[in-house]
Amino acid sequence: MSKVRKVIQLHCQGKSKLFISKYLSLSRNTVKKYIALYQMLNLSAEAIKQKSDVELEELFVSNKEPELSPKMKKLYAFFPYMERELKKVGVTKLSMWQEYIAKHPDGFKSSQFCEYYKRWGKKVNPVMHMTHKAGDKMFVDYAGKTLEVVDHETGEVKKVQFFVAILGASQYTYAESSPSQKKEDFIASIENALHYFGGVPAAIVPDNLRSAVTKCSRYEPTINETLQDFAEHYETTILPARAYKPRDKSLAEGAVKILYQRIYPIIKEEEFTSIESLNRRIWELLKEHNNKKLTGRPYSRYQSFKEDEQEKLSPLPLTRFEVKQQSFATVMMNGHVLLSKDKHYYSVPFQYIRKKVKLLFTSSTVEIYHKYNRIASHRRNMKPYHYTTEKEHLASTHQFITDWTPQRFIDWAASIDPSVEELICRILEQKQHPEQAYKSCMGVLSFVKKVGKERLTNACKRALEYDISNYRIIQKILENGLDSIEEEHDPSEQMLPEHQNIRGKHYYN
């Protein structure tokens, strides 16, 4: 105990910790420990001198926590409230000291107040090193250890990933199992976390995995294009953690370590046949985790989230994000472009014929861009070799063709004569697809302007008599004037006169 007394004596004389350490042959950490305990006890050097070695050993060497003075108890009781308040935008240590000194006029001055808060923070949470503002950041990460799902039919064991997201200020945590760390699964997990929290933070902090960052850089990392689109949809920012700087995402890594202790041991003893059933179990245990009180604090993660952070999150958008895929193509002469994945054609304004365009498509929509400008948007249709066309996209001559339908030609023919209608119906029925007969129908009906309704009607009647239905027969009948010749009896229908040269049916018996 003589060295303890000497440490305190030299400290009161203004000697540095380094000098005391060398002079007394003690480690600097031991010197720091004795000085910190002396300051925490709030005793004078004279009071320390008067205490016996047994009393000093109890204060400085035993593992028992020294009994705090009433002044220190009030200070320590204020710190948990102060910690939560500092997470609010605009709140500083100085403003908190002013609030403290207003409640306790005999309290510590600002410098001592800040020093004691720093020590309290290290004691309660040794890795505490920065204060996160409410609603500011959400940290995301994958656990190093995977989980397992057993196929019910084959018994095959599949490895699945364990995703964790944590809000910086309240430490409110979300976790789920995910099929992989691929871009689509990574974004889906982040989106599920945002909906679990019920809002969007100002920034999302991921690790430098390929699904988030395509090119690492200490100053300007290149964000994955799809993740960037996701951030724009949710009106937030992606702030990747620096490579080889684990403290940038220490909250996420700390959350993973805690979940290793509270979730993994329980899940490992159970068997799951699907990711859905595994996630339901994870969420049950996660609820218990979020409702447990934080170490050294009188509140839980859930309470802190509800009271301090939830209202600071931005509202969720009305629709969920859909991952966009891209494809490149050249607009064809018919004003359509091919989406190669579905082998389906979509129209674009005819001015872009022969231009190279980019197609961005989701499960429900197809957007077409030319030089960063969107020129067309369609509902996605996955029928191969079919066309999706907007009439406004086509040139005037092409727009007329889009109005061709079987019923349009039938109605047009019926307005001329029933025989014309019957001929048009036969033409449409002869072709495998109605569009193949459109030009023939158009050609037949266009004869109205050249020869009039009466001649066209007679020509159709004559064609029907010969049981021939096409454009060419009508053209020949009209060119040769056969529509005006009176109907003749079919020679095959005339009865032959009786004469001796007719053998009769009995001849062949």
Protein backbone atom coordinates (compact mmCIF):
# COMPACT_ATOMS: atom_id res chain seq x y z
CA MET A 1 0.00 0.00 0.00
CA SER A 2 3.00 2.27 0.37
CA LYS A 3 3.22 2.47 -3.43
CA VAL A 4 -0.46 3.41 -3.64
CA ARG A 5 0.16 6.22 -1.16
CA LYS A 6 3.25 7.31 -3.11
CA VAL A 7 1.30 7.31 -6.45
CA ILE A 8 -1.37 9.58 -4.98
CA GLN A 9 1.23 11.83 -3.32
CA LEU A 10 3.19 12.32 -6.54
CA HIS A 11 -0.03 12.83 -8.53
CA CYS A 12 -1.11 15.58 -6.10
CA GLN A 13 2.33 17.19 -6.57
CA GLY A 14 1.59 17.46 -10.31
CA LYS A 15 3.91 14.71 -11.54
CA SER A 16 3.03 13.02 -14.83
CA LYS A 17 1.86 9.40 -15.05
CA LEU A 18 4.98 8.53 -17.05
CA PHE A 19 7.26 9.97 -14.35
CA ILE A 20 5.37 8.14 -11.58
CA SER A 21 5.53 4.90 -13.54
CA LYS A 22 9.31 5.08 -13.99
CA TYR A 23 10.01 6.41 -10.50
CA LEU A 24 8.03 3.68 -8.72
CA SER A 25 8.72 0.91 -11.28
CA LEU A 26 5.01 0.41 -11.90
CA SER A 27 3.24 -0.11 -15.22
CA ARG A 28 1.51 2.96 -16.60
CA ASN A 29 -1.84 1.14 -16.60
CA THR A 30 -1.50 0.44 -12.87
CA VAL A 31 -0.68 4.10 -12.22
CA LYS A 32 -3.70 5.16 -14.31
CA LYS A 33 -5.92 2.73 -12.39
CA TYR A 34 -4.87 4.08 -8.98
CA ILE A 35 -5.27 7.71 -10.05
CA ALA A 36 -8.70 7.00 -11.61
CA LEU A 37 -9.90 5.28 -8.42
CA TYR A 38 -8.56 8.16 -6.32
CA GLN A 39 -10.48 10.67 -8.45
CA MET A 40 -13.64 8.57 -8.38
CA LEU A 41 -13.50 8.33 -4.56
CA ASN A 42 -13.43 12.10 -4.40
CA LEU A 43 -11.18 12.02 -1.31
CA SER A 44 -8.44 14.44 -0.40
CA ALA A 45 -4.75 13.43 -0.16
CA GLU A 46 -4.94 14.01 3.61
CA ALA A 47 -7.90 11.60 3.92
CA ILE A 48 -5.97 8.94 2.02
CA LYS A 49 -2.95 9.39 4.33
CA GLN A 50 -5.08 8.84 7.41
CA LYS A 51 -6.54 5.52 6.18
CA SER A 52 -4.96 2.23 7.22
CA ASP A 53 -3.40 -0.22 4.78
CA VAL A 54 -6.40 -2.54 5.17
CA GLU A 55 -8.80 0.25 4.26
CA LEU A 56 -6.64 1.27 1.30
CA GLU A 57 -6.47 -2.33 0.07
CA GLU A 58 -10.25 -2.56 0.17
CA LEU A 59 -10.54 0.64 -1.84
CA PHE A 60 -7.74 0.18 -4.40
CA VAL A 61 -7.01 -3.54 -4.69
CA SER A 62 -10.22 -5.50 -4.01
CA ASN A 63 -12.64 -6.18 -6.85
CA LYS A 64 -15.46 -4.56 -4.98
CA GLU A 65 -16.87 -1.39 -6.46
CA PRO A 66 -16.00 1.55 -4.25
CA GLU A 67 -19.00 3.16 -2.66
CA LEU A 68 -19.84 6.36 -4.48
CA SER A 69 -20.49 9.64 -2.78
CA PRO A 70 -24.03 11.10 -3.06
CA LYS A 71 -22.67 13.64 -5.54
CA MET A 72 -21.24 10.89 -7.76
CA LYS A 73 -24.44 8.83 -7.51
CA LYS A 74 -26.46 11.76 -8.83
CA LEU A 75 -23.97 12.19 -11.66
CA TYR A 76 -24.03 8.50 -12.63
CA ALA A 77 -27.81 8.43 -12.45
CA PHE A 78 -27.88 11.28 -15.00
CA PHE A 79 -25.60 9.55 -17.55
CA PRO A 80 -28.07 6.97 -19.03
CA TYR A 81 -30.53 9.80 -19.74
CA MET A 82 -27.69 11.89 -21.19
CA GLU A 83 -26.58 9.05 -23.47
CA ARG A 84 -30.05 8.82 -25.04
CA GLU A 85 -30.38 12.58 -25.40
CA LEU A 86 -27.00 12.86 -27.18
CA LYS A 87 -28.43 10.71 -29.99
CA LYS A 88 -30.84 13.49 -30.88
CA VAL A 89 -29.81 16.03 -33.50
CA GLY A 90 -28.51 19.28 -32.00
CA VAL A 91 -27.88 17.93 -28.47
CA THR A 92 -24.29 18.38 -27.22
CA LYS A 93 -22.36 17.52 -24.05
CA LEU A 94 -22.33 21.21 -23.15
CA SER A 95 -26.11 21.49 -23.36
CA MET A 96 -26.43 18.33 -21.27
CA TRP A 97 -24.05 19.73 -18.64
CA GLN A 98 -26.13 22.90 -18.48
CA GLU A 99 -29.24 20.77 -17.88
CA TYR A 100 -27.36 18.74 -15.21
CA ILE A 101 -26.03 21.79 -13.37
CA ALA A 102 -29.50 23.36 -13.41
CA LYS A 103 -30.84 20.29 -11.56
CA HIS A 104 -27.77 19.96 -9.29
CA PRO A 105 -26.18 23.40 -8.67
CA ASP A 106 -23.53 21.82 -6.43
CA GLY A 107 -22.54 19.36 -9.16
CA PHE A 108 -19.32 18.96 -11.12
CA LYS A 109 -17.93 21.56 -13.49
CA SER A 110 -18.10 20.95 -17.23
CA SER A 111 -14.58 19.53 -17.66
CA GLN A 112 -15.01 17.00 -14.83
CA PHE A 113 -18.53 16.25 -16.04
CA CYS A 114 -17.26 15.30 -19.53
CA GLU A 115 -14.35 13.28 -18.12
CA TYR A 116 -16.59 11.25 -15.82
CA TYR A 117 -19.03 10.63 -18.68
CA LYS A 118 -16.16 9.33 -20.81
CA ARG A 119 -15.10 6.94 -18.01
CA TRP A 120 -18.68 5.82 -17.45
CA GLY A 121 -19.06 5.11 -21.16
CA LYS A 122 -15.92 2.96 -21.23
CA LYS A 123 -17.01 1.09 -18.13
CA VAL A 124 -20.54 0.37 -19.39
CA ASN A 125 -19.48 -0.37 -22.95
CA PRO A 126 -15.71 -0.77 -23.51
CA VAL A 127 -16.00 -0.43 -27.32
CA MET A 128 -18.14 2.69 -27.22
CA HIS A 129 -16.30 5.24 -29.33
CA MET A 130 -18.84 7.32 -31.22
CA THR A 131 -22.32 8.70 -30.75
CA HIS A 132 -24.88 7.90 -33.46
CA LYS A 133 -27.70 10.33 -34.11
CA ALA A 134 -31.27 9.00 -34.17
CA GLY A 135 -32.42 8.08 -37.67
CA ASP A 136 -28.97 8.66 -39.13
CA LYS A 137 -27.49 5.24 -40.03
CA MET A 138 -28.41 1.60 -40.41
CA PHE A 139 -25.49 -0.86 -40.40
CA VAL A 140 -25.84 -4.14 -42.31
CA ASP A 141 -23.64 -7.22 -42.44
CA TYR A 142 -23.60 -10.99 -42.92
CA ALA A 143 -22.53 -13.35 -40.16
CA GLY A 144 -19.48 -15.48 -40.86
CA LYS A 145 -21.26 -18.64 -39.72
CA THR A 146 -24.02 -20.01 -41.92
CA LEU A 147 -27.27 -21.73 -40.92
CA GLU A 148 -28.76 -24.93 -42.30
CA VAL A 149 -32.05 -25.90 -43.94
CA VAL A 150 -32.89 -29.58 -44.58
CA ASP A 151 -34.86 -30.50 -47.70
CA HIS A 152 -37.94 -32.39 -46.49
CA GLU A 153 -38.07 -34.72 -49.52
CA THR A 154 -34.41 -35.46 -50.29
CA GLY A 155 -32.83 -34.82 -46.89
CA GLU A 156 -30.23 -32.57 -48.53
CA VAL A 157 -28.69 -30.00 -46.18
CA LYS A 158 -28.46 -26.51 -47.67
CA LYS A 159 -26.31 -23.70 -46.24
CA VAL A 160 -28.06 -20.34 -45.90
CA GLN A 161 -26.69 -16.93 -44.95
CA PHE A 162 -27.46 -14.97 -41.78
CA PHE A 163 -28.18 -11.27 -42.40
CA VAL A 164 -28.11 -8.64 -39.63
CA ALA A 165 -29.18 -4.96 -39.66
CA ILE A 166 -28.90 -2.58 -36.70
CA LEU A 167 -29.89 1.06 -36.19
CA GLY A 168 -27.01 3.15 -34.86
CA ALA A 169 -28.73 5.18 -32.17
CA SER A 170 -31.10 2.68 -30.50
CA GLN A 171 -29.23 -0.53 -31.48
CA TYR A 172 -32.61 -1.95 -32.50
CA THR A 173 -31.76 -5.10 -34.47
CA TYR A 174 -33.21 -7.09 -37.37
CA ALA A 175 -32.03 -10.48 -38.59
CA GLU A 176 -33.10 -13.10 -41.12
CA SER A 177 -31.78 -16.07 -43.08
CA SER A 178 -31.16 -15.55 -46.79
CA PRO A 179 -30.45 -17.99 -49.66
CA SER A 180 -27.21 -16.22 -50.62
CA GLN A 181 -25.22 -12.99 -50.59
CA LYS A 182 -26.10 -12.26 -54.21
CA LYS A 183 -27.28 -8.82 -55.21
CA GLU A 184 -30.98 -9.71 -55.36
CA ASP A 185 -30.99 -11.47 -51.97
CA PHE A 186 -28.88 -8.75 -50.35
CA ILE A 187 -31.23 -5.98 -51.48
CA ALA A 188 -34.31 -8.02 -50.47
CA SER A 189 -32.87 -8.43 -46.95
CA ILE A 190 -32.15 -4.70 -46.62
CA GLU A 191 -35.69 -3.94 -47.79
CA ASN A 192 -37.15 -6.38 -45.26
CA ALA A 193 -35.13 -4.65 -42.52
CA LEU A 194 -36.50 -1.22 -43.51
CA HIS A 195 -40.06 -2.54 -43.38
CA TYR A 196 -39.35 -4.19 -40.01
CA PHE A 197 -38.16 -0.82 -38.64
CA GLY A 198 -41.08 0.94 -40.32
CA GLY A 199 -38.95 3.72 -41.80
CA VAL A 200 -35.81 4.71 -43.70
CA PRO A 201 -32.58 6.06 -42.12
CA ALA A 202 -30.53 8.81 -43.74
CA ALA A 203 -27.80 6.32 -44.72
CA ILE A 204 -27.17 2.59 -45.01
CA VAL A 205 -23.67 1.32 -44.15
CA PRO A 206 -22.82 -2.02 -45.79
CA ASP A 207 -19.58 -3.97 -45.91
CA ASN A 208 -17.46 -3.97 -49.08
CA LEU A 209 -19.04 -7.14 -50.50
CA ARG A 210 -19.52 -7.35 -54.27
CA SER A 211 -23.31 -6.99 -53.98
CA ALA A 212 -22.79 -3.49 -52.53
CA VAL A 213 -19.51 -2.16 -53.96
CA THR A 214 -18.19 -2.95 -57.44
CA LYS A 215 -14.89 -1.09 -56.91
CA CYS A 216 -13.36 -0.40 -53.50
CA SER A 217 -11.78 2.95 -52.76
CA ARG A 218 -10.84 4.72 -49.56
CA TYR A 219 -12.37 7.97 -50.80
CA GLU A 220 -14.94 7.23 -53.56
CA PRO A 221 -16.02 3.59 -53.74
CA THR A 222 -18.15 2.62 -56.76
CA ILE A 223 -21.60 1.55 -55.58
CA ASN A 224 -23.35 -1.34 -57.33
CA GLU A 225 -25.78 0.20 -59.84
CA THR A 226 -28.77 -1.83 -58.64
CA LEU A 227 -28.09 -0.94 -55.00
CA GLN A 228 -27.82 2.71 -56.03
CA ASP A 229 -31.25 2.45 -57.71
CA PHE A 230 -32.57 0.90 -54.50
CA ALA A 231 -31.20 3.84 -52.48
CA GLU A 232 -32.85 6.34 -54.83
CA HIS A 233 -36.17 4.49 -54.57
CA TYR A 234 -36.05 4.72 -50.76
CA GLU A 235 -34.48 8.22 -50.80
CA THR A 236 -31.46 7.24 -48.72
CA THR A 237 -27.67 7.06 -49.17
CA ILE A 238 -25.21 4.17 -49.35
CA LEU A 239 -22.06 4.76 -47.27
CA PRO A 240 -19.82 1.68 -47.55
CA ALA A 241 -17.49 1.01 -44.63
CA ARG A 242 -13.81 1.47 -45.43
CA ALA A 243 -11.94 -1.69 -46.33
CA TYR A 244 -9.95 -3.15 -43.41
CA LYS A 245 -11.57 -0.68 -41.00
CA PRO A 246 -13.79 -2.86 -38.79
CA ARG A 247 -14.66 0.00 -36.46
CA ASP A 248 -16.63 1.65 -39.28
CA LYS A 249 -19.22 -1.11 -38.83
CA SER A 250 -18.47 -2.15 -35.26
CA LEU A 251 -22.15 -1.97 -34.31
CA ALA A 252 -23.09 -4.56 -36.94
CA GLU A 253 -20.21 -6.84 -35.94
CA GLY A 254 -21.12 -6.43 -32.27
CA ALA A 255 -24.74 -7.31 -33.05
CA VAL A 256 -23.58 -10.43 -34.89
CA LYS A 257 -21.51 -11.52 -31.86
CA ILE A 258 -24.46 -11.04 -29.51
CA LEU A 259 -26.81 -12.95 -31.83
CA TYR A 260 -24.22 -15.75 -31.99
CA GLN A 261 -24.74 -16.11 -28.23
CA ARG A 262 -28.51 -15.61 -28.06
CA ILE A 263 -29.82 -17.17 -31.29
CA TYR A 264 -27.27 -19.61 -32.75
CA PRO A 265 -27.08 -22.06 -29.81
CA ILE A 266 -30.89 -22.46 -29.81
CA ILE A 267 -31.30 -22.74 -33.59
CA LYS A 268 -28.46 -25.25 -33.92
CA GLU A 269 -30.43 -27.70 -31.77
CA GLU A 270 -33.51 -27.48 -34.03
CA GLU A 271 -34.20 -28.66 -37.59
CA PHE A 272 -35.86 -26.52 -40.26
CA THR A 273 -37.20 -27.62 -43.64
CA SER A 274 -37.55 -24.16 -45.19
CA ILE A 275 -36.12 -20.66 -44.96
CA GLU A 276 -39.59 -19.40 -43.99
CA SER A 277 -39.81 -21.63 -40.92
CA LEU A 278 -36.22 -20.77 -39.98
CA ASN A 279 -36.96 -17.04 -40.19
CA ARG A 280 -40.08 -17.37 -38.05
CA ARG A 281 -37.93 -18.93 -35.30
CA ILE A 282 -35.23 -16.26 -35.71
CA TRP A 283 -37.81 -13.49 -35.33
CA GLU A 284 -39.18 -15.06 -32.14
CA LEU A 285 -35.72 -15.05 -30.56
CA LEU A 286 -34.98 -11.61 -32.02
CA LYS A 287 -38.00 -10.16 -30.24
CA GLU A 288 -36.63 -11.42 -26.92
CA HIS A 289 -33.21 -9.95 -27.75
CA ASN A 290 -34.62 -6.49 -28.55
CA ASN A 291 -36.71 -6.44 -25.38
CA LYS A 292 -33.77 -7.24 -23.06
CA LYS A 293 -32.35 -4.28 -21.17
CA LEU A 294 -29.02 -2.94 -22.43
CA THR A 295 -25.98 -3.45 -20.20
CA GLY A 296 -25.82 -0.75 -17.53
CA ARG A 297 -28.95 1.00 -18.81
CA PRO A 298 -32.52 0.98 -17.53
CA TYR A 299 -34.07 0.55 -20.99
CA SER A 300 -34.11 -1.98 -23.85
CA ARG A 301 -33.31 -1.60 -27.54
CA TYR A 302 -37.01 -1.66 -28.35
CA GLN A 303 -37.84 1.06 -25.80
CA SER A 304 -35.00 3.24 -27.08
CA PHE A 305 -36.18 2.73 -30.66
CA LYS A 306 -39.80 3.57 -29.89
CA GLU A 307 -39.05 6.63 -27.78
CA ASP A 308 -36.02 8.13 -29.51
CA GLU A 309 -35.48 6.84 -33.06
CA GLN A 310 -38.68 5.66 -34.74
CA GLU A 311 -40.04 9.14 -35.35
CA LYS A 312 -36.70 10.25 -36.84
CA LEU A 313 -36.86 7.70 -39.67
CA SER A 314 -38.19 8.85 -43.04
CA PRO A 315 -41.47 7.26 -44.21
CA LEU A 316 -41.41 4.20 -46.47
CA PRO A 317 -42.39 4.65 -50.14
CA LEU A 318 -45.80 3.38 -51.26
CA THR A 319 -44.34 0.57 -53.40
CA ARG A 320 -41.53 -1.90 -52.86
CA PHE A 321 -38.39 -1.81 -54.97
CA GLU A 322 -38.10 -4.15 -57.94
CA VAL A 323 -34.67 -5.24 -59.09
CA LYS A 324 -34.04 -4.02 -62.64
CA GLN A 325 -32.19 -6.01 -65.27
CA GLN A 326 -30.82 -4.46 -68.42
CA SER A 327 -30.47 -5.43 -72.05
CA PHE A 328 -29.28 -3.62 -75.17
CA ALA A 329 -30.82 -3.78 -78.66
CA THR A 330 -31.28 -1.90 -81.95
CA VAL A 331 -34.73 -0.65 -82.96
CA MET A 332 -35.99 -2.55 -86.01
CA MET A 333 -37.51 -1.04 -89.15
CA ASN A 334 -41.02 -1.82 -87.92
CA GLY A 335 -40.50 0.44 -84.88
CA HIS A 336 -40.13 -2.38 -82.37
CA VAL A 337 -37.27 -3.59 -80.21
CA LEU A 338 -36.62 -7.13 -79.01
CA LEU A 339 -36.29 -8.05 -75.33
CA SER A 340 -34.05 -11.05 -75.86
CA LYS A 341 -34.78 -12.70 -72.51
CA ASP A 342 -38.49 -13.15 -73.35
CA LYS A 343 -38.19 -12.98 -77.17
CA HIS A 344 -40.97 -10.38 -77.06
CA TYR A 345 -41.18 -7.18 -79.11
CA TYR A 346 -42.04 -3.71 -77.75
CA SER A 347 -42.81 -0.56 -79.70
CA VAL A 348 -40.85 2.70 -79.48
CA PRO A 349 -41.51 6.03 -81.23
CA PHE A 350 -40.75 5.57 -84.95
CA GLN A 351 -38.14 8.39 -84.82
CA TYR A 352 -35.76 5.94 -83.08
CA ILE A 353 -35.71 3.34 -85.89
CA ARG A 354 -32.16 1.90 -86.25
CA LYS A 355 -31.05 3.56 -82.99
CA LYS A 356 -29.34 1.60 -80.21
CA VAL A 357 -31.37 1.60 -76.99
CA LYS A 358 -31.14 0.20 -73.44
CA LEU A 359 -33.98 -1.82 -71.94
CA LEU A 360 -34.43 -1.82 -68.14
CA PHE A 361 -36.96 -4.41 -67.06
CA THR A 362 -38.44 -5.78 -63.85
CA SER A 363 -40.92 -8.58 -63.28
CA SER A 364 -43.75 -6.23 -64.23
CA THR A 365 -42.46 -3.39 -66.43
CA VAL A 366 -40.15 -2.71 -69.38
CA GLU A 367 -38.58 0.75 -69.80
CA ILE A 368 -36.65 1.72 -72.94
CA TYR A 369 -33.96 4.43 -72.86
CA HIS A 370 -32.04 6.27 -75.56
CA LYS A 371 -29.10 8.37 -74.37
CA TYR A 372 -30.37 8.44 -70.75
CA ASN A 373 -33.86 9.56 -71.81
CA ARG A 374 -36.80 7.22 -71.37
CA ILE A 375 -38.60 6.92 -74.70
CA ALA A 376 -41.12 4.15 -73.92
CA SER A 377 -42.60 2.18 -71.04
CA HIS A 378 -44.69 -1.01 -71.26
CA ARG A 379 -46.19 -3.67 -69.04
CA ARG A 380 -43.98 -6.72 -69.34
CA ASN A 381 -45.38 -9.51 -71.51
CA MET A 382 -43.48 -12.80 -71.52
CA LYS A 383 -45.21 -14.39 -74.53
CA PRO A 384 -42.46 -15.21 -77.05
CA TYR A 385 -42.66 -13.84 -80.58
CA HIS A 386 -45.56 -11.51 -79.78
CA TYR A 387 -45.75 -7.73 -80.13
CA THR A 388 -46.72 -5.10 -77.57
CA THR A 389 -47.55 -1.94 -79.50
CA GLU A 390 -48.70 1.56 -78.63
CA LYS A 391 -50.45 3.17 -81.59
CA GLU A 392 -48.89 6.58 -80.89
CA HIS A 393 -45.41 5.12 -81.42
CA LEU A 394 -46.05 4.20 -85.06
CA ALA A 395 -45.84 6.35 -88.17
CA SER A 396 -49.22 7.43 -89.64
CA THR A 397 -49.13 4.70 -92.31
CA HIS A 398 -48.41 2.04 -89.72
CA GLN A 399 -51.11 3.34 -87.37
CA PHE A 400 -53.73 2.59 -90.03
CA ILE A 401 -52.57 -1.04 -90.16
CA THR A 402 -52.92 -1.45 -86.41
CA ASP A 403 -56.67 -0.81 -86.81
CA TRP A 404 -57.06 -3.95 -88.98
CA THR A 405 -59.10 -6.60 -87.17
CA PRO A 406 -61.23 -9.50 -88.51
CA GLN A 407 -64.42 -7.89 -87.25
CA ARG A 408 -63.58 -4.61 -88.95
CA PHE A 409 -63.38 -6.33 -92.36
CA ILE A 410 -66.53 -8.39 -91.73
CA ASP A 411 -68.54 -5.29 -90.78
CA TRP A 412 -67.23 -3.43 -93.81
CA ALA A 413 -68.21 -6.30 -96.12
CA ALA A 414 -71.66 -6.64 -94.52
CA SER A 415 -72.35 -2.98 -95.32
CA ILE A 416 -71.92 -3.81 -99.02
CA ASP A 417 -73.81 -7.11 -99.39
CA PRO A 418 -74.25 -10.45 -97.58
CA SER A 419 -72.43 -12.27 -100.40
CA VAL A 420 -69.40 -9.99 -99.92
CA GLU A 421 -69.54 -10.66 -96.18
CA GLU A 422 -69.58 -14.42 -96.81
CA LEU A 423 -66.58 -14.20 -99.13
CA ILE A 424 -64.58 -12.18 -96.59
CA CYS A 425 -65.41 -14.69 -93.84
CA ARG A 426 -64.18 -17.54 -96.04
CA ILE A 427 -60.92 -15.68 -96.77
CA LEU A 428 -60.35 -15.14 -93.02
CA GLU A 429 -61.09 -18.79 -92.24
CA GLN A 430 -58.67 -20.11 -94.86
CA LYS A 431 -55.58 -18.60 -93.19
CA GLN A 432 -53.91 -19.98 -90.07
CA HIS A 433 -53.74 -16.49 -88.54
CA PRO A 434 -56.22 -13.68 -89.37
CA GLU A 435 -53.40 -11.20 -90.03
CA GLN A 436 -52.31 -13.31 -93.01
CA ALA A 437 -55.70 -12.59 -94.69
CA TYR A 438 -55.85 -8.85 -93.93
CA LYS A 439 -54.21 -7.76 -97.17
CA SER A 440 -56.46 -10.05 -99.26
CA CYS A 441 -59.56 -8.66 -97.53
CA MET A 442 -58.32 -5.11 -98.01
CA GLY A 443 -57.72 -5.80 -101.72
CA VAL A 444 -61.22 -7.26 -102.26
CA LEU A 445 -63.03 -4.44 -100.45
CA SER A 446 -60.99 -1.76 -102.20
CA PHE A 447 -62.71 -2.75 -105.50
CA VAL A 448 -65.79 -0.82 -104.25
CA LYS A 449 -64.09 2.45 -105.19
CA LYS A 450 -63.09 1.13 -108.64
CA VAL A 451 -66.20 -0.80 -109.85
CA GLY A 452 -68.95 0.00 -107.34
CA LYS A 453 -70.95 -2.11 -104.95
CA GLU A 454 -73.08 -3.87 -107.61
CA ARG A 455 -70.23 -5.28 -109.67
CA LEU A 456 -68.28 -6.31 -106.55
CA THR A 457 -71.39 -8.05 -105.23
CA ASN A 458 -71.89 -9.95 -108.51
CA ALA A 459 -68.20 -10.88 -108.59
CA CYS A 460 -68.41 -12.28 -105.06
CA LYS A 461 -71.52 -14.27 -105.96
CA ARG A 462 -69.76 -15.77 -109.01
CA ALA A 463 -66.68 -16.66 -106.88
CA LEU A 464 -68.87 -18.33 -104.30
CA GLU A 465 -70.54 -20.37 -107.05
CA TYR A 466 -67.14 -21.73 -108.05
CA ASP A 467 -66.30 -22.23 -104.34
CA ILE A 468 -63.12 -20.15 -104.68
CA SER A 469 -62.38 -17.44 -102.11
CA ASN A 470 -59.37 -15.19 -102.64
CA TYR A 471 -58.39 -11.80 -103.95
CA ARG A 472 -57.07 -13.09 -107.26
CA ILE A 473 -60.39 -14.74 -108.38
CA ILE A 474 -62.30 -11.50 -107.72
CA GLN A 475 -59.69 -9.59 -109.71
CA LYS A 476 -59.99 -11.99 -112.71
CA ILE A 477 -63.79 -11.93 -112.65
CA LEU A 478 -63.88 -8.12 -112.71
CA GLU A 479 -61.10 -7.79 -115.32
CA ASN A 480 -62.84 -10.22 -117.70
CA GLY A 481 -66.34 -8.86 -117.08
CA LEU A 482 -67.58 -12.23 -115.84
CA ASP A 483 -69.65 -10.51 -113.16
CA SER A 484 -72.09 -9.23 -115.85
CA ILE A 485 -72.60 -12.57 -117.73
CA GLU A 486 -75.94 -14.21 -117.03
CA GLU A 487 -75.85 -17.37 -114.98
CA GLU A 488 -75.62 -20.50 -117.16
CA HIS A 489 -76.77 -23.97 -116.20
CA ASP A 490 -74.09 -26.40 -115.35
CA PRO A 491 -73.88 -28.94 -118.26
CA SER A 492 -73.38 -31.71 -115.73
CA GLU A 493 -76.83 -31.01 -114.39
CA GLN A 494 -78.61 -31.55 -117.87
CA MET A 495 -80.27 -34.94 -118.53
CA LEU A 496 -78.90 -36.94 -121.53
CA PRO A 497 -81.48 -38.20 -124.07
CA GLU A 498 -82.14 -41.93 -124.21
CA HIS A 499 -80.35 -43.69 -127.14
CA GLN A 500 -78.94 -47.08 -128.01
CA ASN A 501 -75.31 -46.20 -127.30
CA ILE A 502 -75.95 -45.86 -123.60
CA ARG A 503 -74.74 -48.97 -121.88
CA GLY A 504 -76.55 -48.46 -118.64
CA LYS A 505 -75.60 -49.65 -115.19
CA HIS A 506 -76.44 -53.29 -115.93
CA TYR A 507 -73.60 -53.43 -118.48
CA TYR A 508 -71.02 -53.60 -115.68
CA ASN A 509 -72.71 -56.49 -113.79
